[in-house]
């Protein structure tokens, strides 16, 4: 069997799993619901895009990024800042002060950097930077705090934030990529060129800082109160259910309005996400086959030899770190659009960092098609392992009494099967097939 046929069959197998999820109810773990199948598919497509971004960084350049969660959250924030309408009265109350404070903060950092470069090393440079940073910080807070208080006092139960620009929500997806790319530039300029473990620490730390800002700065993202009712590129289900024309069409196809509306919206998202994934996959493949892609892999395999040939390794690392992070930002914006809400409290390293790395490793590090396969397959397993665990535990404890403590305890612990299974899959792949299902050529 040729490699092409083998890899095609792997994608077909994932498609069969989704078809079974939509059509089969007799095997225990499958729901027999197309709503469930499309939900898994949509999140699988978004996860595949995240895995593609990480694969650019790790598979092409060997950069160990464990801050995926932060770049994803920035993509979600972009939807709020781009698509939500401005909160009435927010800009006149304190928006101008907030904007001025952010400019002052940026100027303070720029002045400190300039002082570091211009002044000779020694006590004068240290004192000069300290004075600039301290004075700039107090000036920043003096301008910022009154503006924040004014904005957060505007209808805090429903708003309390600055709002957005009211632009079409699809524009938020590339904006999410730009926000993530900007954060990646800051991290890269600081940490790239150091050892990989320092880069991992820097990316994880800055990701946590980003989440802390989103959770606590209510004027920006409403914090843990969440932003709900985000604009969507597709209509809300309730609007379709109130449309007589749609209801009549659904009846002609044999669907009730509720089922038809959810299927319509989820199928529409699936088509949008597939289009974005295909475009990004094509771009990644073209980059992989280009001289730039060959140079990146040469740097990954032997940085010393690449430097000896005159390659600027740090600059190339910065390029691909920004590109991979931007793709994660786009995926984050897509996910927030799908959910129609920004919930900073739900971002956690397990879902948005560890699981994405499992997808890349299982699919095949260094292979873009492997990253896509791993993204969809591992997400399917992540969702379906819990019902499978419940089914196996019920089978194993079928001889026990219904109210027995061991049986109840095991059934309550079935949710942890997800973590156990992901760890087991990762260990087995690293032991028996470390190159992944579709390895790098």
Protein backbone atom coordinates (compact mmCIF):
# COMPACT_ATOMS: atom_id res chain seq x y z
CA UNK A 1 0.00 0.00 0.00
CA UNK A 2 1.43 3.37 -1.03
CA UNK A 3 1.87 6.16 1.48
CA UNK A 4 -0.70 8.31 -0.33
CA UNK A 5 -3.36 5.61 -0.14
CA UNK A 6 -2.55 4.92 3.51
CA UNK A 7 -2.84 8.59 4.48
CA UNK A 8 -6.05 9.00 2.49
CA UNK A 9 -7.57 6.02 4.30
CA UNK A 10 -6.74 7.65 7.63
CA UNK A 11 -8.78 10.71 6.69
CA UNK A 12 -11.56 8.43 5.40
CA UNK A 13 -11.55 6.60 8.74
CA UNK A 14 -12.05 9.90 10.60
CA UNK A 15 -14.90 10.73 8.23
CA UNK A 16 -16.48 7.34 8.94
CA UNK A 17 -16.31 8.04 12.68
CA UNK A 18 -18.20 11.30 12.15
CA UNK A 19 -20.76 9.53 9.96
CA UNK A 20 -21.27 6.89 12.66
CA UNK A 21 -21.74 9.67 15.21
CA UNK A 22 -24.50 11.14 13.05
CA UNK A 23 -26.27 7.93 12.08
CA UNK A 24 -25.61 5.17 14.65
CA UNK A 25 -27.16 4.73 18.08
CA UNK A 26 -26.68 1.02 18.78
CA UNK A 27 -22.96 1.01 19.59
CA UNK A 28 -23.17 2.90 22.87
CA UNK A 29 -20.63 5.65 22.28
CA UNK A 30 -22.30 7.14 19.18
CA UNK A 31 -25.21 9.52 19.67
CA UNK A 32 -26.96 9.04 16.34
CA UNK A 33 -27.36 12.82 16.11
CA UNK A 34 -26.17 14.99 13.23
CA UNK A 35 -26.17 17.93 15.64
CA UNK A 36 -23.55 16.15 17.74
CA UNK A 37 -21.54 15.10 14.68
CA UNK A 38 -21.44 18.66 13.30
CA UNK A 39 -20.53 20.06 16.72
CA UNK A 40 -17.56 17.68 16.93
CA UNK A 41 -16.61 18.48 13.33
CA UNK A 42 -16.65 22.25 13.87
CA UNK A 43 -14.49 22.13 16.97
CA UNK A 44 -12.28 19.56 15.26
CA UNK A 45 -11.72 21.94 12.34
CA UNK A 46 -10.81 24.78 14.72
CA UNK A 47 -8.48 22.46 16.63
CA UNK A 48 -6.89 21.40 13.34
CA UNK A 49 -6.14 25.05 12.56
CA UNK A 50 -4.52 25.49 15.99
CA UNK A 51 -2.49 22.32 15.43
CA UNK A 52 -1.42 23.64 12.03
CA UNK A 53 -0.09 26.81 13.67
CA UNK A 54 1.83 24.85 16.30
CA UNK A 55 3.17 22.53 13.62
CA UNK A 56 4.63 25.52 11.78
CA UNK A 57 6.53 26.49 14.92
CA UNK A 58 7.61 23.06 16.10
CA UNK A 59 7.58 20.96 12.93
CA UNK A 60 9.28 23.58 10.74
CA UNK A 61 11.54 25.33 13.24
CA UNK A 62 11.69 23.32 16.47
CA UNK A 63 10.22 26.14 18.60
CA UNK A 64 8.56 24.88 21.79
CA UNK A 65 5.55 27.14 22.35
CA UNK A 66 3.41 26.35 25.40
CA UNK A 67 1.53 29.63 25.32
CA UNK A 68 -1.07 28.59 22.74
CA UNK A 69 -3.80 29.39 25.25
CA UNK A 70 -2.82 33.07 25.36
CA UNK A 71 -2.78 33.51 21.57
CA UNK A 72 -6.17 31.78 21.34
CA UNK A 73 -7.60 34.11 23.98
CA UNK A 74 -6.32 37.16 22.08
CA UNK A 75 -8.19 35.90 19.03
CA UNK A 76 -11.35 35.71 21.12
CA UNK A 77 -10.79 39.26 22.39
CA UNK A 78 -10.47 40.45 18.80
CA UNK A 79 -14.08 39.43 18.14
CA UNK A 80 -15.28 41.65 20.99
CA UNK A 81 -13.14 44.63 19.96
CA UNK A 82 -14.00 44.32 16.27
CA UNK A 83 -17.61 43.15 16.00
CA UNK A 84 -19.39 44.37 19.13
CA UNK A 85 -20.94 47.85 18.98
CA UNK A 86 -19.44 50.52 21.19
CA UNK A 87 -21.09 50.79 24.60
CA UNK A 88 -23.24 53.98 24.59
CA UNK A 89 -21.48 56.73 26.51
CA UNK A 90 -18.33 54.73 27.19
CA UNK A 91 -16.00 56.73 24.96
CA UNK A 92 -17.24 60.07 26.21
CA UNK A 93 -17.07 58.92 29.84
CA UNK A 94 -13.57 57.47 29.89
CA UNK A 95 -12.60 55.90 26.61
CA UNK A 96 -10.37 58.80 25.62
CA UNK A 97 -8.49 58.64 28.92
CA UNK A 98 -7.94 54.90 28.56
CA UNK A 99 -6.61 55.34 25.04
CA UNK A 100 -4.30 58.15 26.18
CA UNK A 101 -3.04 56.02 29.07
CA UNK A 102 -2.21 53.14 26.74
CA UNK A 103 -0.25 55.53 24.51
CA UNK A 104 1.62 56.87 27.56
CA UNK A 105 2.44 53.32 28.65
CA UNK A 106 3.82 52.47 25.22
CA UNK A 107 5.88 55.68 25.17
CA UNK A 108 7.28 54.88 28.62
CA UNK A 109 8.47 51.46 27.49
CA UNK A 110 9.91 52.94 24.30
CA UNK A 111 11.75 55.63 26.31
CA UNK A 112 13.21 52.99 28.65
CA UNK A 113 14.43 50.95 25.67
CA UNK A 114 15.97 54.03 24.09
CA UNK A 115 17.70 54.93 27.36
CA UNK A 116 19.13 51.42 27.56
CA UNK A 117 20.54 51.71 24.05
CA UNK A 118 21.83 55.27 24.24
CA UNK A 119 23.35 55.43 27.73
CA UNK A 120 26.63 53.78 28.55
CA UNK A 121 26.53 50.71 30.75
CA UNK A 122 26.72 51.55 34.41
CA UNK A 123 24.88 53.24 37.26
CA UNK A 124 23.67 56.14 35.10
CA UNK A 125 21.85 53.85 32.70
CA UNK A 126 20.26 51.84 35.53
CA UNK A 127 19.07 54.93 37.38
CA UNK A 128 17.81 56.54 34.18
CA UNK A 129 15.72 53.51 33.27
CA UNK A 130 14.33 53.22 36.80
CA UNK A 131 13.30 56.89 36.86
CA UNK A 132 11.65 56.63 33.44
CA UNK A 133 9.73 53.47 34.33
CA UNK A 134 8.59 54.67 37.76
CA UNK A 135 7.49 58.11 36.57
CA UNK A 136 5.85 56.63 33.48
CA UNK A 137 3.99 54.03 35.56
CA UNK A 138 2.52 56.58 37.96
CA UNK A 139 1.56 58.86 35.09
CA UNK A 140 -0.04 55.88 33.34
CA UNK A 141 -2.14 55.00 36.39
CA UNK A 142 -3.15 58.60 37.07
CA UNK A 143 -4.60 58.86 33.56
CA UNK A 144 -5.96 55.29 33.31
CA UNK A 145 -7.77 54.70 36.61
CA UNK A 146 -10.43 57.46 36.35
CA UNK A 147 -11.23 56.39 32.80
CA UNK A 148 -11.57 52.75 33.79
CA UNK A 149 -13.84 53.62 36.73
CA UNK A 150 -16.06 55.74 34.48
CA UNK A 151 -16.41 53.03 31.82
CA UNK A 152 -17.02 50.18 34.28
CA UNK A 153 -19.76 52.16 36.02
CA UNK A 154 -21.88 52.28 32.83
CA UNK A 155 -24.62 49.65 33.24
CA UNK A 156 -22.22 47.14 34.89
CA UNK A 157 -24.82 44.35 34.95
CA UNK A 158 -25.04 44.22 31.15
CA UNK A 159 -22.07 46.21 29.86
CA UNK A 160 -19.33 47.93 31.88
CA UNK A 161 -16.88 47.65 29.01
CA UNK A 162 -15.73 49.87 26.17
CA UNK A 163 -17.34 47.75 23.44
CA UNK A 164 -16.02 47.44 19.91
CA UNK A 165 -16.06 48.94 16.45
CA UNK A 166 -19.27 47.33 15.19
CA UNK A 167 -17.59 45.87 12.07
CA UNK A 168 -18.57 42.60 10.34
CA UNK A 169 -17.58 39.68 12.52
CA UNK A 170 -15.61 37.92 9.77
CA UNK A 171 -13.14 40.81 9.89
CA UNK A 172 -12.42 39.82 13.49
CA UNK A 173 -10.74 36.60 12.34
CA UNK A 174 -7.74 38.26 10.63
CA UNK A 175 -7.72 40.89 13.41
CA UNK A 176 -7.37 38.03 15.90
CA UNK A 177 -4.38 36.83 13.92
CA UNK A 178 -2.85 40.32 14.03
CA UNK A 179 -3.32 40.62 17.81
CA UNK A 180 -1.70 37.22 18.37
CA UNK A 181 1.10 38.11 15.95
CA UNK A 182 1.78 41.32 17.89
CA UNK A 183 2.03 39.42 21.17
CA UNK A 184 4.27 36.84 19.48
CA UNK A 185 6.57 39.63 18.27
CA UNK A 186 6.97 40.91 21.84
CA UNK A 187 7.67 37.41 23.18
CA UNK A 188 9.99 36.59 20.29
CA UNK A 189 12.05 39.75 20.63
CA UNK A 190 12.45 38.92 24.33
CA UNK A 191 12.96 35.16 24.41
CA UNK A 192 14.00 33.88 20.96
CA UNK A 193 17.68 33.15 20.76
CA UNK A 194 17.60 31.61 24.24
CA UNK A 195 17.38 27.89 24.94
CA UNK A 196 14.09 26.16 24.17
CA UNK A 197 13.20 25.74 27.84
CA UNK A 198 13.43 29.51 28.36
CA UNK A 199 11.13 30.07 25.39
CA UNK A 200 8.64 27.62 26.89
CA UNK A 201 8.71 29.46 30.22
CA UNK A 202 8.29 32.84 28.51
CA UNK A 203 5.35 31.73 26.36
CA UNK A 204 3.57 30.07 29.28
CA UNK A 205 4.13 33.08 31.54
CA UNK A 206 2.90 35.63 29.01
CA UNK A 207 -0.13 33.45 28.21
CA UNK A 208 -1.06 33.53 31.89
CA UNK A 209 -0.56 37.30 31.95
CA UNK A 210 -2.89 37.69 28.96
CA UNK A 211 -5.56 35.59 30.68
CA UNK A 212 -5.14 37.53 33.91
CA UNK A 213 -5.75 40.78 32.02
CA UNK A 214 -8.86 39.38 30.32
CA UNK A 215 -10.25 38.11 33.63
CA UNK A 216 -9.65 41.30 35.60
CA UNK A 217 -9.93 44.25 33.21
CA UNK A 218 -13.71 44.58 33.01
CA UNK A 219 -13.51 47.69 30.83
CA UNK A 220 -11.88 45.60 28.12
CA UNK A 221 -13.60 42.20 28.15
CA UNK A 222 -16.08 42.32 31.09
CA UNK A 223 -13.76 39.93 32.94
CA UNK A 224 -15.40 36.85 34.39
CA UNK A 225 -18.84 38.33 33.69
CA UNK A 226 -18.27 37.35 30.04
CA UNK A 227 -19.36 39.02 26.83
CA UNK A 228 -22.46 37.34 25.38
CA UNK A 229 -24.56 37.86 22.27
CA UNK A 230 -21.62 38.39 19.93
CA UNK A 231 -22.50 39.03 16.27
CA UNK A 232 -22.36 35.99 14.00
CA UNK A 233 -21.80 35.48 10.28
CA UNK A 234 -24.84 33.20 10.33
CA UNK A 235 -28.27 33.91 11.82
CA UNK A 236 -29.20 32.84 15.33
CA UNK A 237 -31.31 29.70 15.52
CA UNK A 238 -34.22 31.49 17.17
CA UNK A 239 -34.40 33.95 14.28
CA UNK A 240 -34.62 31.09 11.80
CA UNK A 241 -37.33 29.43 13.86
CA UNK A 242 -39.38 32.64 13.67
CA UNK A 243 -38.96 32.91 9.90
CA UNK A 244 -42.08 31.47 8.17
CA UNK A 245 -40.16 30.78 4.96
CA UNK A 246 -37.48 28.78 6.77
CA UNK A 247 -40.09 26.87 8.78
CA UNK A 248 -41.94 25.95 5.60
CA UNK A 249 -38.71 24.79 3.91
CA UNK A 250 -37.80 22.70 6.96
CA UNK A 251 -41.21 21.04 6.89
CA UNK A 252 -40.75 20.19 3.22
CA UNK A 253 -37.51 18.39 4.11
CA UNK A 254 -39.16 16.58 7.01
CA UNK A 255 -37.45 18.51 9.83
CA UNK A 256 -38.94 20.35 12.75
CA UNK A 257 -37.90 24.04 12.95
CA UNK A 258 -35.60 23.56 15.99
CA UNK A 259 -33.59 20.70 14.48
CA UNK A 260 -33.47 22.34 11.05
CA UNK A 261 -32.22 25.67 12.44
CA UNK A 262 -29.39 24.07 14.45
CA UNK A 263 -28.32 21.88 11.53
CA UNK A 264 -28.41 24.86 9.15
CA UNK A 265 -26.21 27.01 11.39
CA UNK A 266 -23.72 24.26 12.25
CA UNK A 267 -23.42 23.17 8.63
CA UNK A 268 -22.82 26.79 7.63
CA UNK A 269 -20.03 27.08 10.20
CA UNK A 270 -18.55 23.79 9.00
CA UNK A 271 -18.32 25.15 5.45
CA UNK A 272 -16.75 28.43 6.65
CA UNK A 273 -14.22 26.67 8.86
CA UNK A 274 -13.34 24.16 6.14
CA UNK A 275 -12.68 27.01 3.70
CA UNK A 276 -10.36 28.75 6.18
CA UNK A 277 -8.57 25.48 6.97
CA UNK A 278 -8.03 24.68 3.29
CA UNK A 279 -6.61 28.14 2.58
CA UNK A 280 -4.23 27.96 5.55
CA UNK A 281 -3.25 24.39 4.68
CA UNK A 282 -2.46 25.39 1.09
CA UNK A 283 -0.37 28.33 2.29
CA UNK A 284 1.49 26.11 4.78
CA UNK A 285 2.20 23.54 2.07
CA UNK A 286 3.51 26.20 -0.30
CA UNK A 287 5.73 27.54 2.48
CA UNK A 288 6.99 24.04 3.28
CA UNK A 289 8.01 23.38 -0.32
CA UNK A 290 9.58 26.80 -0.87
CA UNK A 291 13.25 27.70 -0.35
CA UNK A 292 12.14 29.46 2.85
CA UNK A 293 10.61 26.22 4.15
CA UNK A 294 13.74 24.23 3.33
CA UNK A 295 15.83 26.87 5.09
CA UNK A 296 13.62 26.66 8.20
CA UNK A 297 14.02 22.89 8.39
CA UNK A 298 17.77 23.23 7.89
CA UNK A 299 17.87 25.66 10.83
CA UNK A 300 15.76 23.25 12.88
CA UNK A 301 18.08 20.34 12.19
CA UNK A 302 21.39 22.16 12.71
CA UNK A 303 21.44 25.78 13.84
CA UNK A 304 25.25 25.92 13.93
CA UNK A 305 25.57 24.85 10.30
CA UNK A 306 22.83 27.31 9.27
CA UNK A 307 24.62 30.18 11.03
CA UNK A 308 27.86 29.16 9.34
CA UNK A 309 26.10 29.54 5.98
CA UNK A 310 25.13 33.11 6.86
CA UNK A 311 21.51 32.55 7.92
CA UNK A 312 20.04 34.89 10.55
CA UNK A 313 18.60 32.13 12.74
CA UNK A 314 16.98 34.39 15.35
CA UNK A 315 15.23 36.47 12.71
CA UNK A 316 13.89 33.38 10.93
CA UNK A 317 12.70 31.94 14.23
CA UNK A 318 10.88 35.20 14.92
CA UNK A 319 9.17 35.04 11.51
CA UNK A 320 7.78 31.56 11.95
CA UNK A 321 6.90 32.12 15.61
CA UNK A 322 4.76 35.09 14.56
CA UNK A 323 3.14 33.15 11.72
CA UNK A 324 2.23 30.15 13.87
CA UNK A 325 0.88 32.35 16.66
CA UNK A 326 -1.21 34.34 14.17
CA UNK A 327 -2.85 31.11 12.99
CA UNK A 328 -3.69 30.25 16.61
CA UNK A 329 -5.18 33.73 16.99
CA UNK A 330 -7.37 33.21 13.92
CA UNK A 331 -8.57 29.89 15.37
CA UNK A 332 -9.36 31.60 18.68
CA UNK A 333 -11.47 34.21 16.91
CA UNK A 334 -13.31 31.49 15.01
CA UNK A 335 -14.05 29.58 18.21
CA UNK A 336 -15.41 32.66 19.99
CA UNK A 337 -17.58 33.40 16.95
CA UNK A 338 -18.90 29.84 17.05
CA UNK A 339 -19.72 30.13 20.77
CA UNK A 340 -21.18 33.65 20.36
CA UNK A 341 -19.56 34.62 23.65
CA UNK A 342 -16.18 35.40 25.18
CA UNK A 343 -15.63 33.50 28.45
CA UNK A 344 -12.09 34.18 29.75
CA UNK A 345 -12.58 31.75 32.63
CA UNK A 346 -12.78 28.75 30.27
CA UNK A 347 -9.29 29.15 28.81
CA UNK A 348 -6.98 26.64 30.46
CA UNK A 349 -3.63 25.06 29.51
CA UNK A 350 -5.06 21.53 29.41
CA UNK A 351 -7.51 22.27 26.59
CA UNK A 352 -5.66 24.98 24.70
CA UNK A 353 -2.04 23.88 25.04
CA UNK A 354 -1.56 20.26 26.10
CA UNK A 355 -4.35 18.88 23.91
CA UNK A 356 -3.09 20.80 20.87
CA UNK A 357 0.38 19.34 21.38
CA UNK A 358 -1.14 15.85 21.56
CA UNK A 359 -2.83 16.55 18.22
CA UNK A 360 0.45 17.57 16.59
CA UNK A 361 2.38 14.60 17.96
CA UNK A 362 -0.32 12.03 17.12
CA UNK A 363 -0.90 13.44 13.64
CA UNK A 364 2.77 13.77 12.76
CA UNK A 365 5.10 16.61 13.64
CA UNK A 366 6.49 18.36 10.57
CA UNK A 367 3.63 17.25 8.31
CA UNK A 368 0.79 19.72 7.75
CA UNK A 369 -1.69 17.02 6.76
CA UNK A 370 -0.72 15.09 9.88
CA UNK A 371 -1.49 18.13 12.04
CA UNK A 372 -4.95 18.43 10.45
CA UNK A 373 -5.65 14.71 10.89
CA UNK A 374 -4.48 14.80 14.50
CA UNK A 375 -6.61 17.85 15.25
CA UNK A 376 -9.88 16.27 14.11
CA UNK A 377 -9.14 12.74 15.36
CA UNK A 378 -7.91 13.69 18.84
CA UNK A 379 -10.83 16.09 19.33
CA UNK A 380 -13.25 13.29 18.41
CA UNK A 381 -11.58 11.02 20.96
CA UNK A 382 -11.58 13.80 23.57
CA UNK A 383 -15.37 14.09 23.24
CA UNK A 384 -16.25 10.40 22.93
CA UNK A 385 -13.89 8.86 25.48
CA UNK A 386 -16.13 9.84 28.41
CA UNK A 387 -19.26 7.97 27.19
CA UNK A 388 -17.01 5.06 26.20
CA UNK A 389 -15.57 5.03 29.73
CA UNK A 390 -19.04 5.02 31.25
CA UNK A 391 -20.06 2.13 29.00
CA UNK A 392 -16.97 0.08 29.92
CA UNK A 393 -17.36 0.76 33.65
CA UNK A 394 -21.04 -0.21 33.52
CA UNK A 395 -20.04 -3.43 31.76
CA UNK A 396 -17.25 -4.18 34.24
CA UNK A 397 -19.50 -3.52 37.27
CA UNK A 398 -22.63 -5.16 35.91
CA UNK A 399 -22.40 -7.87 38.56
CA UNK A 400 -22.43 -5.36 41.43
CA UNK A 401 -25.46 -3.98 43.17
CA UNK A 402 -26.86 -0.73 41.76
CA UNK A 403 -26.25 1.15 45.00
CA UNK A 404 -22.82 -0.32 45.79
CA UNK A 405 -20.11 2.19 46.67
CA UNK A 406 -17.40 0.87 44.28
CA UNK A 407 -19.77 0.99 41.32
CA UNK A 408 -20.95 4.52 42.10
CA UNK A 409 -17.40 5.74 42.66
CA UNK A 410 -16.16 4.28 39.37
CA UNK A 411 -19.05 5.78 37.42
CA UNK A 412 -18.43 9.20 38.98
CA UNK A 413 -14.78 8.94 37.95
CA UNK A 414 -15.58 8.17 34.32
CA UNK A 415 -15.03 11.81 33.33
CA UNK A 416 -11.34 11.41 34.20
CA UNK A 417 -11.06 8.82 31.43
CA UNK A 418 -10.39 11.75 29.09
CA UNK A 419 -7.14 12.65 30.81
CA UNK A 420 -6.10 9.03 31.23
CA UNK A 421 -6.82 8.22 27.59
CA UNK A 422 -4.99 11.26 26.19
CA UNK A 423 -1.95 10.45 28.30
CA UNK A 424 -2.08 6.80 27.25
CA UNK A 425 -2.40 7.69 23.55
CA UNK A 426 0.54 10.09 23.83
CA UNK A 427 2.73 7.51 25.58
CA UNK A 428 1.87 4.78 23.06
CA UNK A 429 2.55 7.08 20.10
CA UNK A 430 5.89 8.21 21.51
CA UNK A 431 6.89 4.61 22.22
CA UNK A 432 5.73 2.80 19.09
CA UNK A 433 5.23 5.48 16.42
CA UNK A 434 7.03 8.67 17.48
CA UNK A 435 6.80 10.19 13.99
CA UNK A 436 2.99 10.21 14.10
CA UNK A 437 0.25 8.82 11.88
CA UNK A 438 1.40 10.87 8.87
CA UNK A 439 5.12 11.44 9.43
CA UNK A 440 7.25 14.15 7.89
CA UNK A 441 8.75 13.12 4.58
